Amino acid sequence: PVYGDGGNVRDWIHVEDHCRAVLAVAEGGKPGRVYNVGASSERE
């Protein structure tokens, strides 16, 4: 089952890359900051 015309676009990231990003922010992020995490892998 594919919603609509299937043209919805998402930036897909492997969970290991995401986990390493969380680890990097946990250990080095600046207090009060938001950090966006993506893989530049947009696909419909």
ModelCIF file with pLDDT and N, C-alpha, C, O atoms, coordinates in Angstrom:
data_MODEL
#
_entry.id   MODEL 
#
_entity.id                         1 
_entity.type                       polymer 
_entity.pdbx_number_of_molecules   1 
#
_entity_poly.entity_id                      1 
_entity_poly.type                           'polypeptide(L)' 
_entity_poly.nstd_linkage                   no 
_entity_poly.nstd_monomer                   no 
_entity_poly.pdbx_seq_one_letter_code       PVYGDGGNVRDWIHVEDHCRAVLAVAEGGKPGRVYNVGASSERE 
_entity_poly.pdbx_seq_one_letter_code_can   PVYGDGGNVRDWIHVEDHCRAVLAVAEGGKPGRVYNVGASSERE 
_entity_poly.pdbx_strand_id                 A 
#
loop_
_entity_poly_seq.entity_id 
_entity_poly_seq.num 
_entity_poly_seq.mon_id 
_entity_poly_seq.hetero 
1 1  PRO n 
1 2  VAL n 
1 3  TYR n 
1 4  GLY n 
1 5  ASP n 
1 6  GLY n 
1 7  GLY n 
1 8  ASN n 
1 9  VAL n 
1 10 ARG n 
1 11 ASP n 
1 12 TRP n 
1 13 ILE n 
1 14 HIS n 
1 15 VAL n 
1 16 GLU n 
1 17 ASP n 
1 18 HIS n 
1 19 CYS n 
1 20 ARG n 
1 21 ALA n 
1 22 VAL n 
1 23 LEU n 
1 24 ALA n 
1 25 VAL n 
1 26 ALA n 
1 27 GLU n 
1 28 GLY n 
1 29 GLY n 
1 30 LYS n 
1 31 PRO n 
1 32 GLY n 
1 33 ARG n 
1 34 VAL n 
1 35 TYR n 
1 36 ASN n 
1 37 VAL n 
1 38 GLY n 
1 39 ALA n 
1 40 SER n 
1 41 SER n 
1 42 GLU n 
1 43 ARG n 
1 44 GLU n 
#
_struct_asym.id          A 
_struct_asym.entity_id   1 
#
loop_
_ma_qa_metric.id 
_ma_qa_metric.mode 
_ma_qa_metric.name 
_ma_qa_metric.software_group_id 
_ma_qa_metric.type 
1 global pLDDT . pLDDT 
2 local  pLDDT . pLDDT 
#
_ma_qa_metric_global.metric_id      1 
_ma_qa_metric_global.metric_value   96.95 
_ma_qa_metric_global.model_id       1 
_ma_qa_metric_global.ordinal_id     1 
#
loop_
_ma_qa_metric_local.label_asym_id 
_ma_qa_metric_local.label_comp_id 
_ma_qa_metric_local.label_seq_id 
_ma_qa_metric_local.metric_id 
_ma_qa_metric_local.metric_value 
_ma_qa_metric_local.model_id 
_ma_qa_metric_local.ordinal_id 
A PRO 1  2 96.00 1 1  
A VAL 2  2 97.00 1 2  
A TYR 3  2 95.00 1 3  
A GLY 4  2 96.00 1 4  
A ASP 5  2 96.00 1 5  
A GLY 6  2 96.00 1 6  
A GLY 7  2 95.00 1 7  
A ASN 8  2 95.00 1 8  
A VAL 9  2 95.00 1 9  
A ARG 10 2 95.00 1 10 
A ASP 11 2 96.00 1 11 
A TRP 12 2 97.00 1 12 
A ILE 13 2 98.00 1 13 
A HIS 14 2 98.00 1 14 
A VAL 15 2 98.00 1 15 
A GLU 16 2 98.00 1 16 
A ASP 17 2 98.00 1 17 
A HIS 18 2 98.00 1 18 
A CYS 19 2 98.00 1 19 
A ARG 20 2 98.00 1 20 
A ALA 21 2 98.00 1 21 
A VAL 22 2 98.00 1 22 
A LEU 23 2 98.00 1 23 
A ALA 24 2 98.00 1 24 
A VAL 25 2 98.00 1 25 
A ALA 26 2 98.00 1 26 
A GLU 27 2 98.00 1 27 
A GLY 28 2 98.00 1 28 
A GLY 29 2 98.00 1 29 
A LYS 30 2 98.00 1 30 
A PRO 31 2 98.00 1 31 
A GLY 32 2 98.00 1 32 
A ARG 33 2 98.00 1 33 
A VAL 34 2 98.00 1 34 
A TYR 35 2 98.00 1 35 
A ASN 36 2 98.00 1 36 
A VAL 37 2 98.00 1 37 
A GLY 38 2 97.00 1 38 
A ALA 39 2 96.00 1 39 
A SER 40 2 93.00 1 40 
A SER 41 2 94.00 1 41 
A GLU 42 2 95.00 1 42 
A ARG 43 2 96.00 1 43 
A GLU 44 2 96.00 1 44 
#
loop_
_atom_site.group_PDB 
_atom_site.id 
_atom_site.type_symbol 
_atom_site.label_atom_id 
_atom_site.label_alt_id 
_atom_site.label_comp_id 
_atom_site.label_asym_id 
_atom_site.label_entity_id 
_atom_site.label_seq_id 
_atom_site.pdbx_PDB_ins_code 
_atom_site.Cartn_x 
_atom_site.Cartn_y 
_atom_site.Cartn_z 
_atom_site.occupancy 
_atom_site.B_iso_or_equiv 
_atom_site.pdbx_formal_charge 
_atom_site.auth_seq_id 
_atom_site.auth_comp_id 
_atom_site.auth_asym_id 
_atom_site.auth_atom_id 
_atom_site.pdbx_PDB_model_num 
ATOM 1   N N  . PRO A 1 1  ? 0.822  -1.209 0.000  1.00 96.00 ? 1  PRO A N  1 
ATOM 2   C CA . PRO A 1 1  ? 0.000  0.000  0.000  1.00 96.00 ? 1  PRO A CA 1 
ATOM 3   C C  . PRO A 1 1  ? 0.859  1.263  0.000  1.00 96.00 ? 1  PRO A C  1 
ATOM 4   O O  . PRO A 1 1  ? 1.699  1.449  0.880  1.00 96.00 ? 1  PRO A O  1 
ATOM 5   N N  . VAL A 1 2  ? 0.644  2.127  -0.989 1.00 97.00 ? 2  VAL A N  1 
ATOM 6   C CA . VAL A 1 2  ? 1.391  3.375  -1.112 1.00 97.00 ? 2  VAL A CA 1 
ATOM 7   C C  . VAL A 1 2  ? 0.400  4.532  -1.067 1.00 97.00 ? 2  VAL A C  1 
ATOM 8   O O  . VAL A 1 2  ? -0.539 4.586  -1.862 1.00 97.00 ? 2  VAL A O  1 
ATOM 9   N N  . TYR A 1 3  ? 0.613  5.455  -0.134 1.00 95.00 ? 3  TYR A N  1 
ATOM 10  C CA . TYR A 1 3  ? -0.305 6.582  0.016  1.00 95.00 ? 3  TYR A CA 1 
ATOM 11  C C  . TYR A 1 3  ? -0.282 7.500  -1.211 1.00 95.00 ? 3  TYR A C  1 
ATOM 12  O O  . TYR A 1 3  ? 0.775  7.782  -1.775 1.00 95.00 ? 3  TYR A O  1 
ATOM 13  N N  . GLY A 1 4  ? -1.490 7.963  -1.612 1.00 96.00 ? 4  GLY A N  1 
ATOM 14  C CA . GLY A 1 4  ? -1.616 8.961  -2.670 1.00 96.00 ? 4  GLY A CA 1 
ATOM 15  C C  . GLY A 1 4  ? -0.973 8.520  -3.960 1.00 96.00 ? 4  GLY A C  1 
ATOM 16  O O  . GLY A 1 4  ? -1.209 7.413  -4.444 1.00 96.00 ? 4  GLY A O  1 
ATOM 17  N N  . ASP A 1 5  ? -0.134 9.421  -4.529 1.00 96.00 ? 5  ASP A N  1 
ATOM 18  C CA . ASP A 1 5  ? 0.563  9.084  -5.771 1.00 96.00 ? 5  ASP A CA 1 
ATOM 19  C C  . ASP A 1 5  ? 1.983  8.592  -5.522 1.00 96.00 ? 5  ASP A C  1 
ATOM 20  O O  . ASP A 1 5  ? 2.732  8.340  -6.466 1.00 96.00 ? 5  ASP A O  1 
ATOM 21  N N  . GLY A 1 6  ? 2.357  8.452  -4.230 1.00 96.00 ? 6  GLY A N  1 
ATOM 22  C CA . GLY A 1 6  ? 3.699  7.981  -3.903 1.00 96.00 ? 6  GLY A CA 1 
ATOM 23  C C  . GLY A 1 6  ? 4.773  9.030  -4.049 1.00 96.00 ? 6  GLY A C  1 
ATOM 24  O O  . GLY A 1 6  ? 5.961  8.727  -3.935 1.00 96.00 ? 6  GLY A O  1 
ATOM 25  N N  . GLY A 1 7  ? 4.366  10.281 -4.304 1.00 95.00 ? 7  GLY A N  1 
ATOM 26  C CA . GLY A 1 7  ? 5.339  11.336 -4.567 1.00 95.00 ? 7  GLY A CA 1 
ATOM 27  C C  . GLY A 1 7  ? 5.840  12.069 -3.339 1.00 95.00 ? 7  GLY A C  1 
ATOM 28  O O  . GLY A 1 7  ? 6.611  13.019 -3.471 1.00 95.00 ? 7  GLY A O  1 
ATOM 29  N N  . ASN A 1 8  ? 5.428  11.660 -2.149 1.00 95.00 ? 8  ASN A N  1 
ATOM 30  C CA . ASN A 1 8  ? 5.911  12.304 -0.930 1.00 95.00 ? 8  ASN A CA 1 
ATOM 31  C C  . ASN A 1 8  ? 7.409  12.043 -0.774 1.00 95.00 ? 8  ASN A C  1 
ATOM 32  O O  . ASN A 1 8  ? 7.865  10.906 -0.899 1.00 95.00 ? 8  ASN A O  1 
ATOM 33  N N  . VAL A 1 9  ? 8.162  13.097 -0.503 1.00 95.00 ? 9  VAL A N  1 
ATOM 34  C CA . VAL A 1 9  ? 9.623  13.019 -0.472 1.00 95.00 ? 9  VAL A CA 1 
ATOM 35  C C  . VAL A 1 9  ? 10.123 13.035 0.965  1.00 95.00 ? 9  VAL A C  1 
ATOM 36  O O  . VAL A 1 9  ? 9.694  13.859 1.773  1.00 95.00 ? 9  VAL A O  1 
ATOM 37  N N  . ARG A 1 10 ? 11.031 12.120 1.277  1.00 95.00 ? 10 ARG A N  1 
ATOM 38  C CA . ARG A 1 10 ? 11.653 12.064 2.600  1.00 95.00 ? 10 ARG A CA 1 
ATOM 39  C C  . ARG A 1 10 ? 13.176 11.980 2.435  1.00 95.00 ? 10 ARG A C  1 
ATOM 40  O O  . ARG A 1 10 ? 13.681 11.447 1.447  1.00 95.00 ? 10 ARG A O  1 
ATOM 41  N N  . ASP A 1 11 ? 13.884 12.518 3.420  1.00 96.00 ? 11 ASP A N  1 
ATOM 42  C CA . ASP A 1 11 ? 15.343 12.412 3.484  1.00 96.00 ? 11 ASP A CA 1 
ATOM 43  C C  . ASP A 1 11 ? 15.654 11.210 4.371  1.00 96.00 ? 11 ASP A C  1 
ATOM 44  O O  . ASP A 1 11 ? 15.468 11.269 5.587  1.00 96.00 ? 11 ASP A O  1 
ATOM 45  N N  . TRP A 1 12 ? 16.129 10.115 3.763  1.00 97.00 ? 12 TRP A N  1 
ATOM 46  C CA . TRP A 1 12 ? 16.293 8.852  4.479  1.00 97.00 ? 12 TRP A CA 1 
ATOM 47  C C  . TRP A 1 12 ? 17.682 8.739  5.078  1.00 97.00 ? 12 TRP A C  1 
ATOM 48  O O  . TRP A 1 12 ? 18.676 9.020  4.407  1.00 97.00 ? 12 TRP A O  1 
ATOM 49  N N  . ILE A 1 13 ? 17.758 8.323  6.349  1.00 98.00 ? 13 ILE A N  1 
ATOM 50  C CA . ILE A 1 13 ? 19.023 8.162  7.049  1.00 98.00 ? 13 ILE A CA 1 
ATOM 51  C C  . ILE A 1 13 ? 19.047 6.811  7.751  1.00 98.00 ? 13 ILE A C  1 
ATOM 52  O O  . ILE A 1 13 ? 18.066 6.408  8.376  1.00 98.00 ? 13 ILE A O  1 
ATOM 53  N N  . HIS A 1 14 ? 20.181 6.112  7.640  1.00 98.00 ? 14 HIS A N  1 
ATOM 54  C CA . HIS A 1 14 ? 20.303 4.839  8.331  1.00 98.00 ? 14 HIS A CA 1 
ATOM 55  C C  . HIS A 1 14 ? 20.379 5.091  9.830  1.00 98.00 ? 14 HIS A C  1 
ATOM 56  O O  . HIS A 1 14 ? 20.987 6.066  10.271 1.00 98.00 ? 14 HIS A O  1 
ATOM 57  N N  . VAL A 1 15 ? 19.765 4.218  10.606 1.00 98.00 ? 15 VAL A N  1 
ATOM 58  C CA . VAL A 1 15 ? 19.650 4.427  12.048 1.00 98.00 ? 15 VAL A CA 1 
ATOM 59  C C  . VAL A 1 15 ? 21.017 4.520  12.717 1.00 98.00 ? 15 VAL A C  1 
ATOM 60  O O  . VAL A 1 15 ? 21.157 5.234  13.710 1.00 98.00 ? 15 VAL A O  1 
ATOM 61  N N  . GLU A 1 16 ? 22.028 3.822  12.203 1.00 98.00 ? 16 GLU A N  1 
ATOM 62  C CA . GLU A 1 16 ? 23.356 3.917  12.817 1.00 98.00 ? 16 GLU A CA 1 
ATOM 63  C C  . GLU A 1 16 ? 23.927 5.319  12.661 1.00 98.00 ? 16 GLU A C  1 
ATOM 64  O O  . GLU A 1 16 ? 24.543 5.843  13.590 1.00 98.00 ? 16 GLU A O  1 
ATOM 65  N N  . ASP A 1 17 ? 23.730 5.934  11.497 1.00 98.00 ? 17 ASP A N  1 
ATOM 66  C CA . ASP A 1 17 ? 24.179 7.314  11.312 1.00 98.00 ? 17 ASP A CA 1 
ATOM 67  C C  . ASP A 1 17 ? 23.457 8.249  12.280 1.00 98.00 ? 17 ASP A C  1 
ATOM 68  O O  . ASP A 1 17 ? 24.068 9.150  12.856 1.00 98.00 ? 17 ASP A O  1 
ATOM 69  N N  . HIS A 1 18 ? 22.159 8.031  12.455 1.00 98.00 ? 18 HIS A N  1 
ATOM 70  C CA . HIS A 1 18 ? 21.404 8.852  13.398 1.00 98.00 ? 18 HIS A CA 1 
ATOM 71  C C  . HIS A 1 18 ? 21.943 8.669  14.814 1.00 98.00 ? 18 HIS A C  1 
ATOM 72  O O  . HIS A 1 18 ? 22.143 9.651  15.528 1.00 98.00 ? 18 HIS A O  1 
ATOM 73  N N  . CYS A 1 19 ? 22.176 7.440  15.223 1.00 98.00 ? 19 CYS A N  1 
ATOM 74  C CA . CYS A 1 19 ? 22.667 7.178  16.578 1.00 98.00 ? 19 CYS A CA 1 
ATOM 75  C C  . CYS A 1 19 ? 24.018 7.846  16.816 1.00 98.00 ? 19 CYS A C  1 
ATOM 76  O O  . CYS A 1 19 ? 24.272 8.370  17.901 1.00 98.00 ? 19 CYS A O  1 
ATOM 77  N N  . ARG A 1 20 ? 24.874 7.827  15.818 1.00 98.00 ? 20 ARG A N  1 
ATOM 78  C CA . ARG A 1 20 ? 26.171 8.486  15.967 1.00 98.00 ? 20 ARG A CA 1 
ATOM 79  C C  . ARG A 1 20 ? 26.019 10.008 16.047 1.00 98.00 ? 20 ARG A C  1 
ATOM 80  O O  . ARG A 1 20 ? 26.816 10.682 16.700 1.00 98.00 ? 20 ARG A O  1 
ATOM 81  N N  . ALA A 1 21 ? 25.004 10.537 15.389 1.00 98.00 ? 21 ALA A N  1 
ATOM 82  C CA . ALA A 1 21 ? 24.726 11.965 15.505 1.00 98.00 ? 21 ALA A CA 1 
ATOM 83  C C  . ALA A 1 21 ? 24.252 12.310 16.916 1.00 98.00 ? 21 ALA A C  1 
ATOM 84  O O  . ALA A 1 21 ? 24.686 13.309 17.489 1.00 98.00 ? 21 ALA A O  1 
ATOM 85  N N  . VAL A 1 22 ? 23.368 11.492 17.473 1.00 98.00 ? 22 VAL A N  1 
ATOM 86  C CA . VAL A 1 22 ? 22.897 11.705 18.844 1.00 98.00 ? 22 VAL A CA 1 
ATOM 87  C C  . VAL A 1 22 ? 24.073 11.649 19.817 1.00 98.00 ? 22 VAL A C  1 
ATOM 88  O O  . VAL A 1 22 ? 24.162 12.458 20.740 1.00 98.00 ? 22 VAL A O  1 
ATOM 89  N N  . LEU A 1 23 ? 24.961 10.702 19.607 1.00 98.00 ? 23 LEU A N  1 
ATOM 90  C CA . LEU A 1 23 ? 26.129 10.574 20.466 1.00 98.00 ? 23 LEU A CA 1 
ATOM 91  C C  . LEU A 1 23 ? 27.018 11.817 20.367 1.00 98.00 ? 23 LEU A C  1 
ATOM 92  O O  . LEU A 1 23 ? 27.532 12.299 21.377 1.00 98.00 ? 23 LEU A O  1 
ATOM 93  N N  . ALA A 1 24 ? 27.195 12.327 19.161 1.00 98.00 ? 24 ALA A N  1 
ATOM 94  C CA . ALA A 1 24 ? 28.009 13.533 18.974 1.00 98.00 ? 24 ALA A CA 1 
ATOM 95  C C  . ALA A 1 24 ? 27.405 14.735 19.685 1.00 98.00 ? 24 ALA A C  1 
ATOM 96  O O  . ALA A 1 24 ? 28.123 15.517 20.308 1.00 98.00 ? 24 ALA A O  1 
ATOM 97  N N  . VAL A 1 25 ? 26.078 14.885 19.594 1.00 98.00 ? 25 VAL A N  1 
ATOM 98  C CA . VAL A 1 25 ? 25.409 16.008 20.267 1.00 98.00 ? 25 VAL A CA 1 
ATOM 99  C C  . VAL A 1 25 ? 25.448 15.830 21.779 1.00 98.00 ? 25 VAL A C  1 
ATOM 100 O O  . VAL A 1 25 ? 25.643 16.798 22.514 1.00 98.00 ? 25 VAL A O  1 
ATOM 101 N N  . ALA A 1 26 ? 25.263 14.600 22.247 1.00 98.00 ? 26 ALA A N  1 
ATOM 102 C CA . ALA A 1 26 ? 25.310 14.335 23.691 1.00 98.00 ? 26 ALA A CA 1 
ATOM 103 C C  . ALA A 1 26 ? 26.655 14.732 24.272 1.00 98.00 ? 26 ALA A C  1 
ATOM 104 O O  . ALA A 1 26 ? 26.725 15.275 25.374 1.00 98.00 ? 26 ALA A O  1 
ATOM 105 N N  . GLU A 1 27 ? 27.714 14.465 23.538 1.00 98.00 ? 27 GLU A N  1 
ATOM 106 C CA . GLU A 1 27 ? 29.059 14.686 24.057 1.00 98.00 ? 27 GLU A CA 1 
ATOM 107 C C  . GLU A 1 27 ? 29.620 16.070 23.744 1.00 98.00 ? 27 GLU A C  1 
ATOM 108 O O  . GLU A 1 27 ? 30.521 16.543 24.436 1.00 98.00 ? 27 GLU A O  1 
ATOM 109 N N  . GLY A 1 28 ? 29.093 16.726 22.703 1.00 98.00 ? 28 GLY A N  1 
ATOM 110 C CA . GLY A 1 28 ? 29.713 17.997 22.318 1.00 98.00 ? 28 GLY A CA 1 
ATOM 111 C C  . GLY A 1 28 ? 28.784 19.129 21.955 1.00 98.00 ? 28 GLY A C  1 
ATOM 112 O O  . GLY A 1 28 ? 29.249 20.231 21.664 1.00 98.00 ? 28 GLY A O  1 
ATOM 113 N N  . GLY A 1 29 ? 27.478 18.893 21.962 1.00 98.00 ? 29 GLY A N  1 
ATOM 114 C CA . GLY A 1 29 ? 26.544 19.939 21.576 1.00 98.00 ? 29 GLY A CA 1 
ATOM 115 C C  . GLY A 1 29 ? 26.526 21.102 22.552 1.00 98.00 ? 29 GLY A C  1 
ATOM 116 O O  . GLY A 1 29 ? 26.822 20.935 23.735 1.00 98.00 ? 29 GLY A O  1 
ATOM 117 N N  . LYS A 1 30 ? 26.176 22.285 22.050 1.00 98.00 ? 30 LYS A N  1 
ATOM 118 C CA . LYS A 1 30 ? 26.126 23.478 22.886 1.00 98.00 ? 30 LYS A CA 1 
ATOM 119 C C  . LYS A 1 30 ? 24.778 23.557 23.616 1.00 98.00 ? 30 LYS A C  1 
ATOM 120 O O  . LYS A 1 30 ? 23.742 23.327 22.991 1.00 98.00 ? 30 LYS A O  1 
ATOM 121 N N  . PRO A 1 31 ? 24.758 23.869 24.902 1.00 98.00 ? 31 PRO A N  1 
ATOM 122 C CA . PRO A 1 31 ? 23.506 23.938 25.660 1.00 98.00 ? 31 PRO A CA 1 
ATOM 123 C C  . PRO A 1 31 ? 22.498 24.894 25.011 1.00 98.00 ? 31 PRO A C  1 
ATOM 124 O O  . PRO A 1 31 ? 22.842 25.988 24.564 1.00 98.00 ? 31 PRO A O  1 
ATOM 125 N N  . GLY A 1 32 ? 21.228 24.433 24.978 1.00 98.00 ? 32 GLY A N  1 
ATOM 126 C CA . GLY A 1 32 ? 20.162 25.247 24.412 1.00 98.00 ? 32 GLY A CA 1 
ATOM 127 C C  . GLY A 1 32 ? 20.051 25.188 22.908 1.00 98.00 ? 32 GLY A C  1 
ATOM 128 O O  . GLY A 1 32 ? 19.225 25.887 22.322 1.00 98.00 ? 32 GLY A O  1 
ATOM 129 N N  . ARG A 1 33 ? 20.874 24.360 22.262 1.00 98.00 ? 33 ARG A N  1 
ATOM 130 C CA . ARG A 1 33 ? 20.920 24.283 20.809 1.00 98.00 ? 33 ARG A CA 1 
ATOM 131 C C  . ARG A 1 33 ? 20.014 23.192 20.256 1.00 98.00 ? 33 ARG A C  1 
ATOM 132 O O  . ARG A 1 33 ? 19.774 22.171 20.901 1.00 98.00 ? 33 ARG A O  1 
ATOM 133 N N  . VAL A 1 34 ? 19.515 23.431 19.046 1.00 98.00 ? 34 VAL A N  1 
ATOM 134 C CA . VAL A 1 34 ? 18.844 22.419 18.234 1.00 98.00 ? 34 VAL A CA 1 
ATOM 135 C C  . VAL A 1 34 ? 19.813 22.007 17.134 1.00 98.00 ? 34 VAL A C  1 
ATOM 136 O O  . VAL A 1 34 ? 20.492 22.845 16.541 1.00 98.00 ? 34 VAL A O  1 
ATOM 137 N N  . TYR A 1 35 ? 19.868 20.701 16.870 1.00 98.00 ? 35 TYR A N  1 
ATOM 138 C CA . TYR A 1 35 ? 20.719 20.184 15.792 1.00 98.00 ? 35 TYR A CA 1 
ATOM 139 C C  . TYR A 1 35 ? 19.883 19.337 14.848 1.00 98.00 ? 35 TYR A C  1 
ATOM 140 O O  . TYR A 1 35 ? 19.307 18.328 15.253 1.00 98.00 ? 35 TYR A O  1 
ATOM 141 N N  . ASN A 1 36 ? 19.818 19.752 13.577 1.00 98.00 ? 36 ASN A N  1 
ATOM 142 C CA . ASN A 1 36 ? 19.151 18.955 12.558 1.00 98.00 ? 36 ASN A CA 1 
ATOM 143 C C  . ASN A 1 36 ? 20.072 17.838 12.080 1.00 98.00 ? 36 ASN A C  1 
ATOM 144 O O  . ASN A 1 36 ? 21.282 18.025 11.949 1.00 98.00 ? 36 ASN A O  1 
ATOM 145 N N  . VAL A 1 37 ? 19.476 16.670 11.822 1.00 98.00 ? 37 VAL A N  1 
ATOM 146 C CA . VAL A 1 37 ? 20.251 15.498 11.405 1.00 98.00 ? 37 VAL A CA 1 
ATOM 147 C C  . VAL A 1 37 ? 19.605 14.892 10.156 1.00 98.00 ? 37 VAL A C  1 
ATOM 148 O O  . VAL A 1 37 ? 18.463 14.433 10.202 1.00 98.00 ? 37 VAL A O  1 
ATOM 149 N N  . GLY A 1 38 ? 20.332 14.893 9.057  1.00 97.00 ? 38 GLY A N  1 
ATOM 150 C CA . GLY A 1 38 ? 19.838 14.300 7.821  1.00 97.00 ? 38 GLY A CA 1 
ATOM 151 C C  . GLY A 1 38 ? 20.980 13.739 7.009  1.00 97.00 ? 38 GLY A C  1 
ATOM 152 O O  . GLY A 1 38 ? 22.146 14.000 7.302  1.00 97.00 ? 38 GLY A O  1 
ATOM 153 N N  . ALA A 1 39 ? 20.649 12.968 5.990  1.00 96.00 ? 39 ALA A N  1 
ATOM 154 C CA . ALA A 1 39 ? 21.680 12.297 5.188  1.00 96.00 ? 39 ALA A CA 1 
ATOM 155 C C  . ALA A 1 39 ? 21.743 12.796 3.757  1.00 96.00 ? 39 ALA A C  1 
ATOM 156 O O  . ALA A 1 39 ? 22.487 12.246 2.946  1.00 96.00 ? 39 ALA A O  1 
ATOM 157 N N  . SER A 1 40 ? 20.963 13.847 3.428  1.00 93.00 ? 40 SER A N  1 
ATOM 158 C CA . SER A 1 40 ? 20.926 14.360 2.054  1.00 93.00 ? 40 SER A CA 1 
ATOM 159 C C  . SER A 1 40 ? 20.599 13.245 1.069  1.00 93.00 ? 40 SER A C  1 
ATOM 160 O O  . SER A 1 40 ? 21.197 13.149 -0.003 1.00 93.00 ? 40 SER A O  1 
ATOM 161 N N  . SER A 1 41 ? 19.646 12.408 1.446  1.00 94.00 ? 41 SER A N  1 
ATOM 162 C CA . SER A 1 41 ? 19.232 11.275 0.607  1.00 94.00 ? 41 SER A CA 1 
ATOM 163 C C  . SER A 1 41 ? 17.731 11.356 0.355  1.00 94.00 ? 41 SER A C  1 
ATOM 164 O O  . SER A 1 41 ? 16.965 10.495 0.787  1.00 94.00 ? 41 SER A O  1 
ATOM 165 N N  . GLU A 1 42 ? 17.334 12.396 -0.344 1.00 95.00 ? 42 GLU A N  1 
ATOM 166 C CA . GLU A 1 42 ? 15.909 12.590 -0.629 1.00 95.00 ? 42 GLU A CA 1 
ATOM 167 C C  . GLU A 1 42 ? 15.430 11.600 -1.683 1.00 95.00 ? 42 GLU A C  1 
ATOM 168 O O  . GLU A 1 42 ? 16.041 11.437 -2.739 1.00 95.00 ? 42 GLU A O  1 
ATOM 169 N N  . ARG A 1 43 ? 14.323 10.947 -1.364 1.00 96.00 ? 43 ARG A N  1 
ATOM 170 C CA . ARG A 1 43 ? 13.699 10.034 -2.315 1.00 96.00 ? 43 ARG A CA 1 
ATOM 171 C C  . ARG A 1 43 ? 12.187 10.118 -2.161 1.00 96.00 ? 43 ARG A C  1 
ATOM 172 O O  . ARG A 1 43 ? 11.671 10.301 -1.058 1.00 96.00 ? 43 ARG A O  1 
ATOM 173 N N  . GLU A 1 44 ? 11.481 9.980  -3.289 1.00 96.00 ? 44 GLU A N  1 
ATOM 174 C CA . GLU A 1 44 ? 10.036 9.808  -3.207 1.00 96.00 ? 44 GLU A CA 1 
ATOM 175 C C  . GLU A 1 44 ? 9.740  8.442  -2.605 1.00 96.00 ? 44 GLU A C  1 
ATOM 176 O O  . GLU A 1 44 ? 8.575  8.079  -2.440 1.00 96.00 ? 44 GLU A O  1 
#
